Protein backbone atom coordinates (compact mmCIF):
# COMPACT_ATOMS: atom_id res chain seq x y z
CA MET A 1 29.43 77.95 8.50
CA GLN A 2 28.68 81.38 9.65
CA PHE A 3 29.81 84.83 8.40
CA ASP A 4 29.70 88.19 9.99
CA ASP A 5 26.03 89.59 10.01
CA ASP A 6 27.66 93.11 9.65
CA ALA A 7 30.17 92.58 7.18
CA ASP A 8 29.90 94.26 4.09
CA LEU A 9 30.03 92.01 1.01
CA ASP A 10 31.92 93.28 -1.99
CA THR A 11 29.85 92.25 -5.03
CA SER A 12 32.30 93.79 -7.52
CA GLU A 13 33.84 90.38 -7.22
CA VAL A 14 30.78 88.79 -8.74
CA LYS A 15 29.40 89.11 -11.78
CA ASP A 16 25.75 87.78 -12.27
CA VAL A 17 24.50 87.42 -15.57
CA ARG A 18 21.66 85.01 -15.01
CA GLY A 19 18.80 85.88 -16.97
CA SER A 20 21.08 87.13 -19.82
CA ARG A 21 20.52 86.40 -23.24
CA VAL A 22 23.55 84.88 -25.51
CA PRO A 23 22.89 86.20 -28.95
CA GLY A 24 23.51 83.21 -31.50
CA GLY A 25 21.89 80.59 -29.71
CA LYS A 26 24.29 77.45 -30.19
CA ALA A 27 24.43 75.20 -27.03
CA THR A 28 27.66 73.46 -26.48
CA VAL A 29 26.46 70.30 -25.78
CA GLY A 30 22.99 68.76 -25.84
CA GLY A 31 20.69 67.33 -22.97
CA GLY A 32 20.19 63.90 -21.92
CA ILE A 33 23.22 61.44 -22.08
CA ILE A 34 25.30 63.82 -23.91
CA GLY A 35 24.94 66.48 -21.46
CA LEU A 36 25.48 64.00 -18.55
CA ILE A 37 28.69 62.85 -20.22
CA ALA A 38 29.88 66.24 -20.59
CA LEU A 39 29.07 66.97 -17.15
CA VAL A 40 31.43 63.83 -16.01
CA LEU A 41 34.16 65.01 -18.13
CA GLY A 42 34.01 68.89 -17.07
CA VAL A 43 32.80 69.04 -13.46
CA LEU A 44 35.55 70.96 -11.47
CA PHE A 45 37.98 71.07 -14.52
CA GLY A 46 40.72 73.40 -14.48
CA VAL A 47 40.09 74.77 -17.71
CA GLY A 48 37.52 76.16 -20.09
CA PRO A 49 35.11 74.31 -22.45
CA GLU A 50 37.39 74.95 -25.32
CA GLN A 51 40.00 72.76 -24.10
CA LEU A 52 37.23 70.02 -23.24
CA GLY A 53 36.01 70.09 -27.04
CA LEU A 54 32.68 71.34 -26.05
CA SER A 55 33.17 74.79 -27.41
CA SER A 56 31.07 76.12 -30.20
CA GLY A 57 33.64 79.01 -30.31
CA SER A 58 34.76 82.28 -28.51
CA ASP A 59 33.38 84.57 -31.12
CA GLU A 60 29.88 84.83 -29.31
CA PRO A 61 28.74 88.39 -28.59
CA ALA A 62 28.71 89.40 -24.92
CA ALA A 63 25.50 88.41 -22.95
CA THR A 64 23.10 91.40 -22.70
CA SER A 65 22.21 92.95 -19.56
CA SER A 66 20.68 90.60 -17.18
CA SER A 67 17.01 90.66 -16.46
CA ALA A 68 17.42 88.52 -13.00
CA ALA A 69 17.97 90.17 -9.69
CA GLN A 70 21.58 90.91 -9.30
CA VAL A 71 23.93 90.10 -6.64
CA SER A 72 24.84 93.83 -6.44
CA ARG A 73 21.54 94.66 -5.42
CA THR A 74 20.56 92.00 -2.98
CA CYS A 75 23.83 90.82 -1.53
CA ARG A 76 24.75 93.76 0.93
CA THR A 77 25.71 92.14 3.98
CA GLY A 78 26.91 88.70 5.77
CA ALA A 79 23.62 88.47 7.00
CA ASP A 80 22.52 88.21 3.42
CA ALA A 81 25.32 85.54 2.89
CA ASN A 82 23.86 83.55 5.61
CA ALA A 83 20.48 83.91 4.31
CA ARG A 84 20.79 83.37 0.36
CA GLU A 85 22.80 81.19 -1.69
CA ASP A 86 23.88 83.38 -4.24
CA CYS A 87 25.07 85.75 -1.60
CA ARG A 88 26.81 83.03 0.21
CA ILE A 89 28.88 82.54 -2.92
CA VAL A 90 29.55 86.31 -3.09
CA ALA A 91 31.00 86.01 0.74
CA VAL A 92 32.80 82.94 0.05
CA VAL A 93 34.69 84.50 -2.98
CA ASN A 94 35.39 87.52 -0.67
CA SER A 95 37.02 85.65 1.80
CA VAL A 96 39.04 83.15 -0.37
CA GLN A 97 40.24 86.22 -2.28
CA ASP A 98 40.88 88.16 1.14
CA PHE A 99 43.25 85.08 2.02
CA TRP A 100 45.28 84.99 -1.04
CA ARG A 101 45.88 88.69 -1.05
CA ALA A 102 47.15 88.30 2.24
CA GLU A 103 49.11 84.95 1.62
CA TYR A 104 50.92 86.75 -1.74
CA ALA A 105 51.78 89.81 0.26
CA ARG A 106 53.52 87.74 3.20
CA ARG A 107 55.25 85.96 0.48
CA GLY A 108 56.29 89.41 -1.13
CA GLY A 109 54.17 89.09 -4.21
CA ARG A 110 50.96 90.49 -5.60
CA TYR A 111 47.71 88.57 -5.96
CA THR A 112 45.70 89.40 -8.95
CA ASP A 113 41.90 89.20 -8.11
CA ALA A 114 39.69 87.16 -10.34
CA LYS A 115 35.98 87.38 -10.81
CA THR A 116 33.37 84.75 -10.56
CA VAL A 117 30.52 84.88 -13.29
CA VAL A 118 27.06 83.27 -12.02
CA PHE A 119 25.35 82.43 -15.16
CA ALA A 120 22.25 80.06 -16.06
CA GLN A 121 22.24 77.47 -18.80
CA ARG A 122 24.83 79.06 -21.24
CA VAL A 123 27.80 81.73 -20.79
CA PRO A 124 30.40 83.08 -23.43
CA THR A 125 33.71 83.14 -22.11
CA ALA A 126 37.52 83.66 -23.68
CA CYS A 127 37.77 79.66 -23.57
CA GLY A 128 34.49 79.38 -25.66
CA THR A 129 30.75 79.29 -25.11
CA ALA A 130 29.85 77.04 -22.23
CA THR A 131 26.69 75.28 -21.21
CA SER A 132 25.63 74.32 -17.49
CA ALA A 133 26.42 70.90 -18.32
CA VAL A 134 30.39 71.63 -18.27
CA GLY A 135 29.98 72.29 -14.43
CA PRO A 136 31.94 75.03 -12.73
CA PHE A 137 35.21 75.86 -14.30
CA TYR A 138 38.15 78.54 -14.32
CA CYS A 139 39.16 80.06 -17.75
CA PRO A 140 42.56 80.81 -17.95
CA GLY A 141 41.86 83.21 -21.12
CA ASP A 142 39.83 85.68 -18.98
CA GLN A 143 41.03 84.49 -15.48
CA GLN A 144 37.63 84.39 -14.14
CA VAL A 145 35.48 81.52 -12.42
CA TYR A 146 32.48 80.27 -14.18
CA LEU A 147 29.38 78.91 -11.96
CA ASP A 148 25.82 77.64 -12.47
CA LEU A 149 24.16 77.73 -8.97
CA GLY A 150 22.11 74.76 -10.27
CA PHE A 151 25.19 72.79 -10.18
CA PHE A 152 24.98 72.45 -6.36
CA ASP A 153 21.47 70.47 -6.87
CA GLU A 154 23.40 68.47 -9.32
CA LEU A 155 26.18 67.65 -6.75
CA ARG A 156 23.48 66.09 -4.25
CA THR A 157 21.27 64.45 -6.72
CA LYS A 158 23.31 63.20 -9.32
CA PHE A 159 26.77 62.83 -7.56
CA GLY A 160 25.51 61.74 -4.12
CA SER A 161 27.20 64.26 -2.04
CA THR A 162 25.35 65.52 1.04
CA GLY A 163 25.67 68.94 0.08
CA GLY A 164 25.66 72.16 2.41
CA PRO A 165 27.10 75.44 2.53
CA PHE A 166 30.64 74.46 2.89
CA ALA A 167 30.44 71.96 -0.13
CA GLN A 168 29.57 74.96 -2.22
CA ALA A 169 32.62 77.01 -0.61
CA TYR A 170 35.11 73.81 -1.58
CA VAL A 171 33.79 74.00 -5.20
CA VAL A 172 34.40 77.81 -5.37
CA ALA A 173 37.86 77.67 -3.33
CA HIS A 174 39.09 74.82 -5.78
CA GLU A 175 38.49 76.85 -8.85
CA TYR A 176 40.22 79.83 -7.21
CA GLY A 177 43.11 77.38 -6.47
CA HIS A 178 43.33 76.90 -10.24
CA HIS A 179 43.57 80.77 -10.52
CA VAL A 180 46.59 80.89 -8.02
CA GLN A 181 48.15 78.00 -10.41
CA ASN A 182 47.58 79.83 -13.45
CA ARG A 183 49.09 82.85 -11.76
CA MET A 184 52.10 80.59 -10.87
CA GLY A 185 52.56 78.98 -14.37
CA THR A 186 51.37 75.72 -12.98
CA LEU A 187 48.06 75.28 -14.69
CA ALA A 188 49.84 74.88 -18.14
CA LYS A 189 51.12 71.66 -16.81
CA SER A 190 47.81 70.01 -17.38
CA GLN A 191 47.52 70.86 -20.99
CA ASP A 192 49.75 68.20 -22.14
CA GLY A 193 46.99 65.92 -23.56
CA ARG A 194 47.49 63.27 -21.08
CA THR A 195 44.94 61.33 -18.70
CA GLY A 196 45.45 58.70 -15.88
CA ALA A 197 46.10 58.48 -12.12
CA ASN A 198 49.57 60.02 -12.57
CA SER A 199 48.92 62.56 -15.09
CA ASN A 200 49.78 66.11 -14.71
CA ALA A 201 45.75 66.88 -15.26
CA VAL A 202 45.35 64.60 -11.94
CA ARG A 203 48.09 66.59 -10.10
CA VAL A 204 46.92 69.97 -10.96
CA GLU A 205 43.28 68.97 -9.91
CA LEU A 206 44.64 67.59 -6.39
CA GLN A 207 46.86 70.72 -6.11
CA ALA A 208 43.57 73.14 -6.41
CA ASP A 209 41.85 70.73 -3.74
CA CYS A 210 44.93 71.09 -1.51
CA TYR A 211 44.71 75.09 -2.14
CA ALA A 212 40.87 74.96 -1.16
CA GLY A 213 42.09 73.50 2.31
CA VAL A 214 44.52 75.92 3.00
CA TRP A 215 41.99 78.72 2.45
CA ALA A 216 39.84 76.71 4.66
CA ARG A 217 42.19 76.59 7.67
CA HIS A 218 42.86 80.35 7.49
CA ALA A 219 39.28 81.29 6.52
CA THR A 220 38.13 82.13 10.24
CA THR A 221 41.25 84.29 10.99
CA THR A 222 41.97 85.96 7.64
CA PRO A 223 40.67 89.76 8.31
CA ASP A 224 38.35 91.32 5.91
CA GLU A 225 40.27 94.19 4.33
CA LYS A 226 37.71 96.80 5.11
CA THR A 227 36.51 95.95 8.81
CA GLY A 228 39.71 94.11 9.94
CA ARG A 229 37.48 91.23 11.02
CA PRO A 230 37.15 87.83 9.55
CA LEU A 231 34.19 87.76 7.19
CA LEU A 232 33.70 83.89 7.73
CA THR A 233 33.23 83.79 11.56
CA ARG A 234 32.54 79.86 12.24
CA LEU A 235 33.52 76.75 10.41
CA THR A 236 32.88 73.42 12.01
CA GLU A 237 33.80 69.92 11.69
CA ASP A 238 30.63 69.11 10.34
CA ASP A 239 31.37 71.84 7.56
CA ILE A 240 34.49 70.19 6.69
CA ARG A 241 32.94 66.95 6.64
CA ASP A 242 30.52 68.28 4.03
CA GLY A 243 33.43 69.44 1.97
CA LEU A 244 35.17 66.16 2.21
CA ASP A 245 32.30 64.41 1.07
CA ALA A 246 31.68 66.81 -2.00
CA ALA A 247 35.42 66.47 -2.80
CA ALA A 248 34.86 62.36 -2.61
CA ALA A 249 31.67 62.54 -4.84
CA VAL A 250 33.51 64.28 -7.50
CA GLY A 251 36.40 61.98 -7.45
CA ASP A 252 37.10 60.01 -11.12
CA ASP A 253 36.32 56.19 -9.58
CA ARG A 254 32.88 57.46 -7.96
CA ILE A 255 31.97 59.31 -11.07
CA GLN A 256 32.99 56.50 -13.39
CA GLU A 257 31.41 53.94 -11.21
CA ARG A 258 28.16 55.73 -10.97
CA PHE A 259 27.77 56.70 -14.83
CA GLN A 260 29.49 53.86 -16.64
CA GLY A 261 29.40 51.07 -14.02
CA ARG A 262 33.04 50.63 -14.02
CA VAL A 263 36.62 52.24 -12.92
CA THR A 264 39.00 53.15 -15.72
CA PRO A 265 42.16 54.64 -14.05
CA GLU A 266 43.74 55.32 -17.44
CA SER A 267 41.10 58.10 -18.38
CA TRP A 268 41.23 59.88 -14.90
CA THR A 269 41.71 63.62 -15.27
CA HIS A 270 41.01 64.56 -11.44
CA GLY A 271 41.86 61.91 -9.16
CA SER A 272 40.36 59.27 -7.12
CA ALA A 273 37.80 60.13 -4.18
CA THR A 274 40.44 58.99 -1.54
CA GLN A 275 42.91 61.39 -3.26
CA ARG A 276 40.75 64.33 -3.53
CA GLN A 277 39.99 64.01 0.25
CA GLN A 278 43.81 63.15 1.14
CA TRP A 279 45.03 66.40 -0.69
CA PHE A 280 41.92 68.83 0.63
CA SER A 281 42.75 67.33 4.23
CA THR A 282 46.59 68.02 3.81
CA GLY A 283 45.81 71.44 2.87
CA TYR A 284 43.44 72.05 6.05
CA SER A 285 45.65 70.12 8.33
CA THR A 286 49.02 72.10 7.68
CA GLY A 287 47.80 75.30 6.24
CA ASP A 288 50.68 75.81 3.89
CA MET A 289 50.48 75.83 0.39
CA ALA A 290 54.13 74.53 -0.07
CA ARG A 291 52.84 71.40 1.38
CA CYS A 292 50.54 71.11 -1.86
CA ASN A 293 53.27 69.93 -4.26
CA THR A 294 51.26 67.14 -5.87
CA PHE A 295 53.85 66.97 -8.57
CA ARG A 296 56.70 65.77 -6.20
């Protein structure tokens, strides 16, 4: 996975609040097994922590200005993205949104940008206050993606994924799939309170996987709006395998087997490892979002 070294990154699409202090100090979940259960429930979920019952409320004051090094100061070019993990996330967000802007325009519509908020430990959102234990998520209330970069270590150490740069890109692209669903009115279908292998919650997640695959198919040919050249210049089959491995690692059956020792399909919210790989592959092989109808 390689970005154009000379490309300019648009850091306005990523808000870095690492090092910020959230006044009030309430954690949404505790550590240890409680935090682990929350992570199992929330990983790559399509909604914010409030819908998961993990919120301490959405009335927390906004985080104060960050003392951490901001991506706006350190992530300038594609070369930075090739060298730094946080800058890579900026580049992936740029690439994903370049694609969806072009796709919407091709279909006669208009894409609305969504920011990614990079945080550490805890963050206030329109969906409630979340801790890192919830995992990456999209909040429809403020139309933002939330990501603690420490999750990528969890993906390897707790979930058994091989990891790699494109595994990270898959996670980000999946969450932006939820933003597309939100704009289309599809995301609300997951909020009927039902779980299970054939539930709308699972179908929404699998469609977001498919949308991630659609972006991946076009990522190296989608021109950057400023330069006219693709921001992502190389994506190999090894990269795609890393993405597929990550998709399998967060399948409901894999997670349940790893953390509770048995598989209970009636409680699934995301789909099996095989399903998640299948739908990402469908998006990647066809490059057509119309082929991502998981509700059919």
